[in-house]
Amino acid sequence: MTCYLCRTEPRMNWSGYYCKKCKGLQDAIACFGDRVYEVVDSVLMRKDKEKQQIKIADEIKKEIQTKEYNLRNKRCIKKKDIEEKTKI
């Protein structure tokens, strides 16, 4: 029997309706009320296309920076290897 909310995970127990993750969401909604919906709406469901485009651009920028950093590290490692080989 699967969770009533996500419909992918098995339920926590035979008498419950939700999996462990979804049960946590249910508990958060019980504690914080409408604030949970506001946070999900503002963070995950962007209505403003401009904000969404900015977020996408930021993610692409982070990915490019990570790849550039990795390339620089590989070059440094190769350079050190070449220097060590030439010393011998």
PDB file of N, CA and C in Angstrom:
ATOM      1  N   MET A   1       0.844  -1.172   0.000  1.00  0.00           N
ATOM      2  CA  MET A   1       0.000   0.000   0.000  1.00  0.00           C
ATOM      3  C   MET A   1       0.892   1.238   0.000  1.00  0.00           C
ATOM      4  N   THR A   2       0.613   2.147  -0.918  1.00  0.00           N
ATOM      5  CA  THR A   2       1.455   3.325  -1.064  1.00  0.00           C
ATOM      6  C   THR A   2       0.868   4.540  -0.348  1.00  0.00           C
ATOM      7  N   CYS A   3       1.737   5.503  -0.148  1.00  0.00           N
ATOM      8  CA  CYS A   3       1.392   6.754   0.520  1.00  0.00           C
ATOM      9  C   CYS A   3       0.291   7.475  -0.262  1.00  0.00           C
ATOM     10  N   TYR A   4      -0.647   8.069   0.441  1.00  0.00           N
ATOM     11  CA  TYR A   4      -1.735   8.793  -0.213  1.00  0.00           C
ATOM     12  C   TYR A   4      -1.266  10.106  -0.835  1.00  0.00           C
ATOM     13  N   LEU A   5      -0.164  10.661  -0.334  1.00  0.00           N
ATOM     14  CA  LEU A   5       0.287  11.948  -0.837  1.00  0.00           C
ATOM     15  C   LEU A   5       1.246  11.795  -2.020  1.00  0.00           C
ATOM     16  N   CYS A   6       2.372  11.137  -1.824  1.00  0.00           N
ATOM     17  CA  CYS A   6       3.375  11.033  -2.901  1.00  0.00           C
ATOM     18  C   CYS A   6       3.080   9.878  -3.859  1.00  0.00           C
ATOM     19  N   ARG A   7       2.392   8.884  -3.389  1.00  0.00           N
ATOM     20  CA  ARG A   7       1.989   7.722  -4.195  1.00  0.00           C
ATOM     21  C   ARG A   7       3.155   6.912  -4.744  1.00  0.00           C
ATOM     22  N   THR A   8       4.327   7.037  -4.103  1.00  0.00           N
ATOM     23  CA  THR A   8       5.481   6.267  -4.551  1.00  0.00           C
ATOM     24  C   THR A   8       6.070   5.415  -3.435  1.00  0.00           C
ATOM     25  N   GLU A   9       6.089   5.936  -2.224  1.00  0.00           N
ATOM     26  CA  GLU A   9       6.689   5.245  -1.087  1.00  0.00           C
ATOM     27  C   GLU A   9       5.648   4.402  -0.356  1.00  0.00           C
ATOM     28  N   PRO A  10       6.086   3.336   0.286  1.00  0.00           N
ATOM     29  CA  PRO A  10       5.135   2.565   1.091  1.00  0.00           C
ATOM     30  C   PRO A  10       4.744   3.330   2.346  1.00  0.00           C
ATOM     31  N   ARG A  11       3.564   3.057   2.837  1.00  0.00           N
ATOM     32  CA  ARG A  11       3.091   3.718   4.058  1.00  0.00           C
ATOM     33  C   ARG A  11       3.928   3.296   5.261  1.00  0.00           C
ATOM     34  N   MET A  12       3.928   4.137   6.297  1.00  0.00           N
ATOM     35  CA  MET A  12       4.702   3.835   7.506  1.00  0.00           C
ATOM     36  C   MET A  12       4.174   2.578   8.201  1.00  0.00           C
ATOM     37  N   ASN A  13       2.854   2.449   8.270  1.00  0.00           N
ATOM     38  CA  ASN A  13       2.253   1.257   8.855  1.00  0.00           C
ATOM     39  C   ASN A  13       0.912   1.000   8.175  1.00  0.00           C
ATOM     40  N   TRP A  14       0.331  -0.130   8.457  1.00  0.00           N
ATOM     41  CA  TRP A  14      -0.874  -0.515   7.734  1.00  0.00           C
ATOM     42  C   TRP A  14      -2.074   0.369   8.061  1.00  0.00           C
ATOM     43  N   SER A  15      -2.080   1.017   9.226  1.00  0.00           N
ATOM     44  CA  SER A  15      -3.227   1.851   9.584  1.00  0.00           C
ATOM     45  C   SER A  15      -3.022   3.318   9.223  1.00  0.00           C
ATOM     46  N   GLY A  16      -1.797   3.701   8.805  1.00  0.00           N
ATOM     47  CA  GLY A  16      -1.526   5.091   8.448  1.00  0.00           C
ATOM     48  C   GLY A  16      -1.772   5.346   6.974  1.00  0.00           C
ATOM     49  N   TYR A  17      -1.735   6.608   6.625  1.00  0.00           N
ATOM     50  CA  TYR A  17      -1.981   6.994   5.234  1.00  0.00           C
ATOM     51  C   TYR A  17      -0.724   7.458   4.506  1.00  0.00           C
ATOM     52  N   TYR A  18       0.325   7.839   5.261  1.00  0.00           N
ATOM     53  CA  TYR A  18       1.478   8.494   4.661  1.00  0.00           C
ATOM     54  C   TYR A  18       2.772   7.738   4.896  1.00  0.00           C
ATOM     55  N   CYS A  19       3.753   7.990   4.005  1.00  0.00           N
ATOM     56  CA  CYS A  19       5.101   7.467   4.205  1.00  0.00           C
ATOM     57  C   CYS A  19       5.809   8.369   5.224  1.00  0.00           C
ATOM     58  N   LYS A  20       7.042   8.038   5.540  1.00  0.00           N
ATOM     59  CA  LYS A  20       7.780   8.783   6.563  1.00  0.00           C
ATOM     60  C   LYS A  20       7.980  10.256   6.163  1.00  0.00           C
ATOM     61  N   LYS A  21       8.350  10.496   4.914  1.00  0.00           N
ATOM     62  CA  LYS A  21       8.586  11.866   4.446  1.00  0.00           C
ATOM     63  C   LYS A  21       7.302  12.695   4.467  1.00  0.00           C
ATOM     64  N   CYS A  22       6.244  12.121   3.945  1.00  0.00           N
ATOM     65  CA  CYS A  22       4.981  12.850   3.869  1.00  0.00           C
ATOM     66  C   CYS A  22       4.369  13.057   5.255  1.00  0.00           C
ATOM     67  N   LYS A  23       4.617  12.134   6.141  1.00  0.00           N
ATOM     68  CA  LYS A  23       4.159  12.302   7.520  1.00  0.00           C
ATOM     69  C   LYS A  23       4.846  13.521   8.142  1.00  0.00           C
ATOM     70  N   GLY A  24       6.133  13.707   7.808  1.00  0.00           N
ATOM     71  CA  GLY A  24       6.847  14.894   8.282  1.00  0.00           C
ATOM     72  C   GLY A  24       6.211  16.173   7.761  1.00  0.00           C
ATOM     73  N   LEU A  25       5.786  16.157   6.503  1.00  0.00           N
ATOM     74  CA  LEU A  25       5.092  17.320   5.938  1.00  0.00           C
ATOM     75  C   LEU A  25       3.765  17.563   6.648  1.00  0.00           C
ATOM     76  N   GLN A  26       3.051  16.498   6.916  1.00  0.00           N
ATOM     77  CA  GLN A  26       1.779  16.629   7.619  1.00  0.00           C
ATOM     78  C   GLN A  26       2.004  17.245   9.001  1.00  0.00           C
ATOM     79  N   ASP A  27       3.047  16.814   9.684  1.00  0.00           N
ATOM     80  CA  ASP A  27       3.360  17.357  11.006  1.00  0.00           C
ATOM     81  C   ASP A  27       3.743  18.835  10.925  1.00  0.00           C
ATOM     82  N   ALA A  28       4.512  19.201   9.879  1.00  0.00           N
ATOM     83  CA  ALA A  28       4.901  20.598   9.694  1.00  0.00           C
ATOM     84  C   ALA A  28       3.676  21.472   9.447  1.00  0.00           C
ATOM     85  N   ILE A  29       2.750  20.980   8.656  1.00  0.00           N
ATOM     86  CA  ILE A  29       1.517  21.728   8.391  1.00  0.00           C
ATOM     87  C   ILE A  29       0.709  21.879   9.670  1.00  0.00           C
ATOM     88  N   ALA A  30       0.683  20.834  10.478  1.00  0.00           N
ATOM     89  CA  ALA A  30      -0.044  20.909  11.740  1.00  0.00           C
ATOM     90  C   ALA A  30       0.584  21.940  12.685  1.00  0.00           C
ATOM     91  N   CYS A  31       1.914  22.032  12.664  1.00  0.00           N
ATOM     92  CA  CYS A  31       2.607  22.974  13.562  1.00  0.00           C
ATOM     93  C   CYS A  31       2.574  24.407  13.049  1.00  0.00           C
ATOM     94  N   PHE A  32       2.844  24.582  11.747  1.00  0.00           N
ATOM     95  CA  PHE A  32       3.036  25.925  11.205  1.00  0.00           C
ATOM     96  C   PHE A  32       1.862  26.438  10.378  1.00  0.00           C
ATOM     97  N   GLY A  33       0.907  25.599  10.092  1.00  0.00           N
ATOM     98  CA  GLY A  33      -0.289  26.020   9.375  1.00  0.00           C
ATOM     99  C   GLY A  33      -0.019  26.531   7.970  1.00  0.00           C
ATOM    100  N   ASP A  34      -0.641  27.645   7.625  1.00  0.00           N
ATOM    101  CA  ASP A  34      -0.548  28.199   6.280  1.00  0.00           C
ATOM    102  C   ASP A  34       0.854  28.659   5.908  1.00  0.00           C
ATOM    103  N   ARG A  35       1.711  28.855   6.886  1.00  0.00           N
ATOM    104  CA  ARG A  35       3.088  29.286   6.602  1.00  0.00           C
ATOM    105  C   ARG A  35       3.806  28.259   5.716  1.00  0.00           C
ATOM    106  N   VAL A  36       3.516  26.982   5.911  1.00  0.00           N
ATOM    107  CA  VAL A  36       4.129  25.926   5.091  1.00  0.00           C
ATOM    108  C   VAL A  36       3.739  26.114   3.630  1.00  0.00           C
ATOM    109  N   TYR A  37       2.477  26.397   3.380  1.00  0.00           N
ATOM    110  CA  TYR A  37       2.018  26.604   2.010  1.00  0.00           C
ATOM    111  C   TYR A  37       2.663  27.841   1.396  1.00  0.00           C
ATOM    112  N   GLU A  38       2.811  28.903   2.189  1.00  0.00           N
ATOM    113  CA  GLU A  38       3.438  30.132   1.706  1.00  0.00           C
ATOM    114  C   GLU A  38       4.900  29.884   1.314  1.00  0.00           C
ATOM    115  N   VAL A  39       5.617  29.145   2.143  1.00  0.00           N
ATOM    116  CA  VAL A  39       7.023  28.865   1.867  1.00  0.00           C
ATOM    117  C   VAL A  39       7.157  28.011   0.609  1.00  0.00           C
ATOM    118  N   VAL A  40       6.366  26.964   0.507  1.00  0.00           N
ATOM    119  CA  VAL A  40       6.417  26.107  -0.679  1.00  0.00           C
ATOM    120  C   VAL A  40       6.073  26.914  -1.923  1.00  0.00           C
ATOM    121  N   ASP A  41       5.069  27.746  -1.824  1.00  0.00           N
ATOM    122  CA  ASP A  41       4.647  28.552  -2.966  1.00  0.00           C
ATOM    123  C   ASP A  41       5.725  29.547  -3.380  1.00  0.00           C
ATOM    124  N   SER A  42       6.355  30.197  -2.413  1.00  0.00           N
ATOM    125  CA  SER A  42       7.347  31.223  -2.754  1.00  0.00           C
ATOM    126  C   SER A  42       8.674  30.619  -3.199  1.00  0.00           C
ATOM    127  N   VAL A  43       9.029  29.444  -2.691  1.00  0.00           N
ATOM    128  CA  VAL A  43      10.325  28.851  -3.014  1.00  0.00           C
ATOM    129  C   VAL A  43      10.256  27.924  -4.219  1.00  0.00           C
ATOM    130  N   LEU A  44       9.284  27.058  -4.254  1.00  0.00           N
ATOM    131  CA  LEU A  44       9.233  26.034  -5.299  1.00  0.00           C
ATOM    132  C   LEU A  44       8.326  26.375  -6.474  1.00  0.00           C
ATOM    133  N   MET A  45       7.293  27.133  -6.242  1.00  0.00           N
ATOM    134  CA  MET A  45       6.323  27.404  -7.305  1.00  0.00           C
ATOM    135  C   MET A  45       6.343  28.887  -7.643  1.00  0.00           C
ATOM    136  N   ARG A  46       7.374  29.275  -8.311  1.00  0.00           N
ATOM    137  CA  ARG A  46       7.536  30.690  -8.644  1.00  0.00           C
ATOM    138  C   ARG A  46       6.497  31.104  -9.683  1.00  0.00           C
ATOM    139  N   LYS A  47       5.773  32.156  -9.365  1.00  0.00           N
ATOM    140  CA  LYS A  47       4.769  32.655 -10.288  1.00  0.00           C
ATOM    141  C   LYS A  47       5.354  33.714 -11.212  1.00  0.00           C
ATOM    142  N   ASP A  48       6.348  34.407 -10.726  1.00  0.00           N
ATOM    143  CA  ASP A  48       6.971  35.460 -11.503  1.00  0.00           C
ATOM    144  C   ASP A  48       8.056  34.850 -12.394  1.00  0.00           C
ATOM    145  N   LYS A  49       7.866  34.927 -13.687  1.00  0.00           N
ATOM    146  CA  LYS A  49       8.813  34.330 -14.644  1.00  0.00           C
ATOM    147  C   LYS A  49      10.196  34.965 -14.531  1.00  0.00           C
ATOM    148  N   GLU A  50      10.250  36.259 -14.228  1.00  0.00           N
ATOM    149  CA  GLU A  50      11.542  36.929 -14.118  1.00  0.00           C
ATOM    150  C   GLU A  50      12.362  36.328 -12.978  1.00  0.00           C
ATOM    151  N   LYS A  51      11.725  36.097 -11.839  1.00  0.00           N
ATOM    152  CA  LYS A  51      12.423  35.487 -10.707  1.00  0.00           C
ATOM    153  C   LYS A  51      12.893  34.085 -11.059  1.00  0.00           C
ATOM    154  N   GLN A  52      12.067  33.376 -11.802  1.00  0.00           N
ATOM    155  CA  GLN A  52      12.422  32.023 -12.205  1.00  0.00           C
ATOM    156  C   GLN A  52      13.630  32.052 -13.138  1.00  0.00           C
ATOM    157  N   GLN A  53      13.651  32.994 -14.051  1.00  0.00           N
ATOM    158  CA  GLN A  53      14.783  33.114 -14.973  1.00  0.00           C
ATOM    159  C   GLN A  53      16.066  33.481 -14.222  1.00  0.00           C
ATOM    160  N   ILE A  54      15.944  34.339 -13.211  1.00  0.00           N
ATOM    161  CA  ILE A  54      17.102  34.709 -12.402  1.00  0.00           C
ATOM    162  C   ILE A  54      17.635  33.485 -11.662  1.00  0.00           C
ATOM    163  N   LYS A  55      16.739  32.696 -11.117  1.00  0.00           N
ATOM    164  CA  LYS A  55      17.149  31.491 -10.400  1.00  0.00           C
ATOM    165  C   LYS A  55      17.856  30.521 -11.346  1.00  0.00           C
ATOM    166  N   ILE A  56      17.322  30.350 -12.531  1.00  0.00           N
ATOM    167  CA  ILE A  56      17.944  29.460 -13.521  1.00  0.00           C
ATOM    168  C   ILE A  56      19.332  29.980 -13.891  1.00  0.00           C
ATOM    169  N   ALA A  57      19.437  31.287 -14.110  1.00  0.00           N
ATOM    170  CA  ALA A  57      20.729  31.877 -14.453  1.00  0.00           C
ATOM    171  C   ALA A  57      21.737  31.690 -13.319  1.00  0.00           C
ATOM    172  N   ASP A  58      21.286  31.843 -12.074  1.00  0.00           N
ATOM    173  CA  ASP A  58      22.169  31.632 -10.928  1.00  0.00           C
ATOM    174  C   ASP A  58      22.664  30.196 -10.863  1.00  0.00           C
ATOM    175  N   GLU A  59      21.782  29.250 -11.120  1.00  0.00           N
ATOM    176  CA  GLU A  59      22.167  27.836 -11.092  1.00  0.00           C
ATOM    177  C   GLU A  59      23.174  27.531 -12.202  1.00  0.00           C
ATOM    178  N   ILE A  60      22.947  28.088 -13.378  1.00  0.00           N
ATOM    179  CA  ILE A  60      23.879  27.879 -14.491  1.00  0.00           C
ATOM    180  C   ILE A  60      25.232  28.498 -14.156  1.00  0.00           C
ATOM    181  N   LYS A  61      25.207  29.683 -13.563  1.00  0.00           N
ATOM    182  CA  LYS A  61      26.451  30.352 -13.174  1.00  0.00           C
ATOM    183  C   LYS A  61      27.230  29.510 -12.164  1.00  0.00           C
ATOM    184  N   LYS A  62      26.536  28.963 -11.174  1.00  0.00           N
ATOM    185  CA  LYS A  62      27.193  28.110 -10.176  1.00  0.00           C
ATOM    186  C   LYS A  62      27.817  26.882 -10.843  1.00  0.00           C
ATOM    187  N   GLU A  63      27.090  26.290 -11.777  1.00  0.00           N
ATOM    188  CA  GLU A  63      27.589  25.106 -12.468  1.00  0.00           C
ATOM    189  C   GLU A  63      28.840  25.431 -13.288  1.00  0.00           C
ATOM    190  N   ILE A  64      28.827  26.569 -13.961  1.00  0.00           N
ATOM    191  CA  ILE A  64      29.991  26.991 -14.748  1.00  0.00           C
ATOM    192  C   ILE A  64      31.181  27.242 -13.836  1.00  0.00           C
ATOM    193  N   GLN A  65      30.957  27.914 -12.714  1.00  0.00           N
ATOM    194  CA  GLN A  65      32.040  28.181 -11.779  1.00  0.00           C
ATOM    195  C   GLN A  65      32.638  26.890 -11.233  1.00  0.00           C
ATOM    196  N   THR A  66      31.799  25.927 -10.935  1.00  0.00           N
ATOM    197  CA  THR A  66      32.273  24.642 -10.434  1.00  0.00           C
ATOM    198  C   THR A  66      33.125  23.941 -11.482  1.00  0.00           C
ATOM    199  N   LYS A  67      32.677  23.948 -12.731  1.00  0.00           N
ATOM    200  CA  LYS A  67      33.435  23.303 -13.801  1.00  0.00           C
ATOM    201  C   LYS A  67      34.759  24.014 -14.037  1.00  0.00           C
ATOM    202  N   GLU A  68      34.767  25.347 -13.990  1.00  0.00           N
ATOM    203  CA  GLU A  68      36.015  26.093 -14.152  1.00  0.00           C
ATOM    204  C   GLU A  68      36.981  25.770 -13.019  1.00  0.00           C
ATOM    205  N   TYR A  69      36.475  25.688 -11.808  1.00  0.00           N
ATOM    206  CA  TYR A  69      37.304  25.359 -10.652  1.00  0.00           C
ATOM    207  C   TYR A  69      37.924  23.968 -10.817  1.00  0.00           C
ATOM    208  N   ASN A  70      37.100  23.021 -11.249  1.00  0.00           N
ATOM    209  CA  ASN A  70      37.599  21.660 -11.462  1.00  0.00           C
ATOM    210  C   ASN A  70      38.668  21.615 -12.549  1.00  0.00           C
ATOM    211  N   LEU A  71      38.466  22.378 -13.609  1.00  0.00           N
ATOM    212  CA  LEU A  71      39.463  22.425 -14.684  1.00  0.00           C
ATOM    213  C   LEU A  71      40.782  23.018 -14.187  1.00  0.00           C
ATOM    214  N   ARG A  72      40.688  24.092 -13.392  1.00  0.00           N
ATOM    215  CA  ARG A  72      41.904  24.698 -12.847  1.00  0.00           C
ATOM    216  C   ARG A  72      42.651  23.714 -11.959  1.00  0.00           C
ATOM    217  N   ASN A  73      41.935  22.984 -11.146  1.00  0.00           N
ATOM    218  CA  ASN A  73      42.561  21.996 -10.269  1.00  0.00           C
ATOM    219  C   ASN A  73      43.241  20.899 -11.070  1.00  0.00           C
ATOM    220  N   LYS A  74      42.592  20.436 -12.123  1.00  0.00           N
ATOM    221  CA  LYS A  74      43.191  19.396 -12.961  1.00  0.00           C
ATOM    222  C   LYS A  74      44.469  19.900 -13.616  1.00  0.00           C
ATOM    223  N   ARG A  75      44.455  21.158 -14.069  1.00  0.00           N
ATOM    224  CA  ARG A  75      45.643  21.734 -14.692  1.00  0.00           C
ATOM    225  C   ARG A  75      46.785  21.834 -13.679  1.00  0.00           C
ATOM    226  N   CYS A  76      46.456  22.255 -12.462  1.00  0.00           N
ATOM    227  CA  CYS A  76      47.480  22.370 -11.412  1.00  0.00           C
ATOM    228  C   CYS A  76      48.079  21.009 -11.087  1.00  0.00           C
ATOM    229  N   ILE A  77      47.244  20.015 -11.012  1.00  0.00           N
ATOM    230  CA  ILE A  77      47.722  18.661 -10.705  1.00  0.00           C
ATOM    231  C   ILE A  77      48.618  18.158 -11.828  1.00  0.00           C
ATOM    232  N   LYS A  78      48.203  18.367 -13.090  1.00  0.00           N
ATOM    233  CA  LYS A  78      49.018  17.938 -14.225  1.00  0.00           C
ATOM    234  C   LYS A  78      50.352  18.679 -14.236  1.00  0.00           C
ATOM    235  N   LYS A  79      50.324  19.977 -13.953  1.00  0.00           N
ATOM    236  CA  LYS A  79      51.549  20.771 -13.937  1.00  0.00           C
ATOM    237  C   LYS A  79      52.510  20.272 -12.863  1.00  0.00           C
ATOM    238  N   LYS A  80      51.974  19.949 -11.679  1.00  0.00           N
ATOM    239  CA  LYS A  80      52.808  19.418 -10.595  1.00  0.00           C
ATOM    240  C   LYS A  80      53.401  18.069 -10.982  1.00  0.00           C
ATOM    241  N   ASP A  81      52.614  17.230 -11.621  1.00  0.00           N
ATOM    242  CA  ASP A  81      53.108  15.921 -12.071  1.00  0.00           C
ATOM    243  C   ASP A  81      54.244  16.084 -13.072  1.00  0.00           C
ATOM    244  N   ILE A  82      54.099  17.014 -14.010  1.00  0.00           N
ATOM    245  CA  ILE A  82      55.129  17.243 -15.015  1.00  0.00           C
ATOM    246  C   ILE A  82      56.400  17.767 -14.347  1.00  0.00           C
ATOM    247  N   GLU A  83      56.235  18.694 -13.392  1.00  0.00           N
ATOM    248  CA  GLU A  83      57.401  19.238 -12.682  1.00  0.00           C
ATOM    249  C   GLU A  83      58.140  18.153 -11.900  1.00  0.00           C
ATOM    250  N   GLU A  84      57.391  17.261 -11.272  1.00  0.00           N
ATOM    251  CA  GLU A  84      58.005  16.186 -10.509  1.00  0.00           C
ATOM    252  C   GLU A  84      58.734  15.221 -11.437  1.00  0.00           C
ATOM    253  N   LYS A  85      58.195  14.938 -12.591  1.00  0.00           N
ATOM    254  CA  LYS A  85      58.830  14.022 -13.534  1.00  0.00           C
ATOM    255  C   LYS A  85      60.104  14.620 -14.115  1.00  0.00           C
ATOM    256  N   THR A  86      60.090  15.926 -14.322  1.00  0.00           N
ATOM    257  CA  THR A  86      61.272  16.564 -14.899  1.00  0.00           C
ATOM    258  C   THR A  86      62.398  16.714 -13.872  1.00  0.00           C
ATOM    259  N   LYS A  87      62.083  16.716 -12.612  1.00  0.00           N
ATOM    260  CA  LYS A  87      63.105  16.805 -11.554  1.00  0.00           C
ATOM    261  C   LYS A  87      63.920  15.518 -11.461  1.00  0.00           C
ATOM    262  N   ILE A  88      63.298  14.426 -11.790  1.00  0.00           N
ATOM    263  CA  ILE A  88      63.957  13.115 -11.659  1.00  0.00           C
ATOM    264  C   ILE A  88      64.936  12.878 -12.741  1.00  0.00           C
TER     265      ILE A  88
END
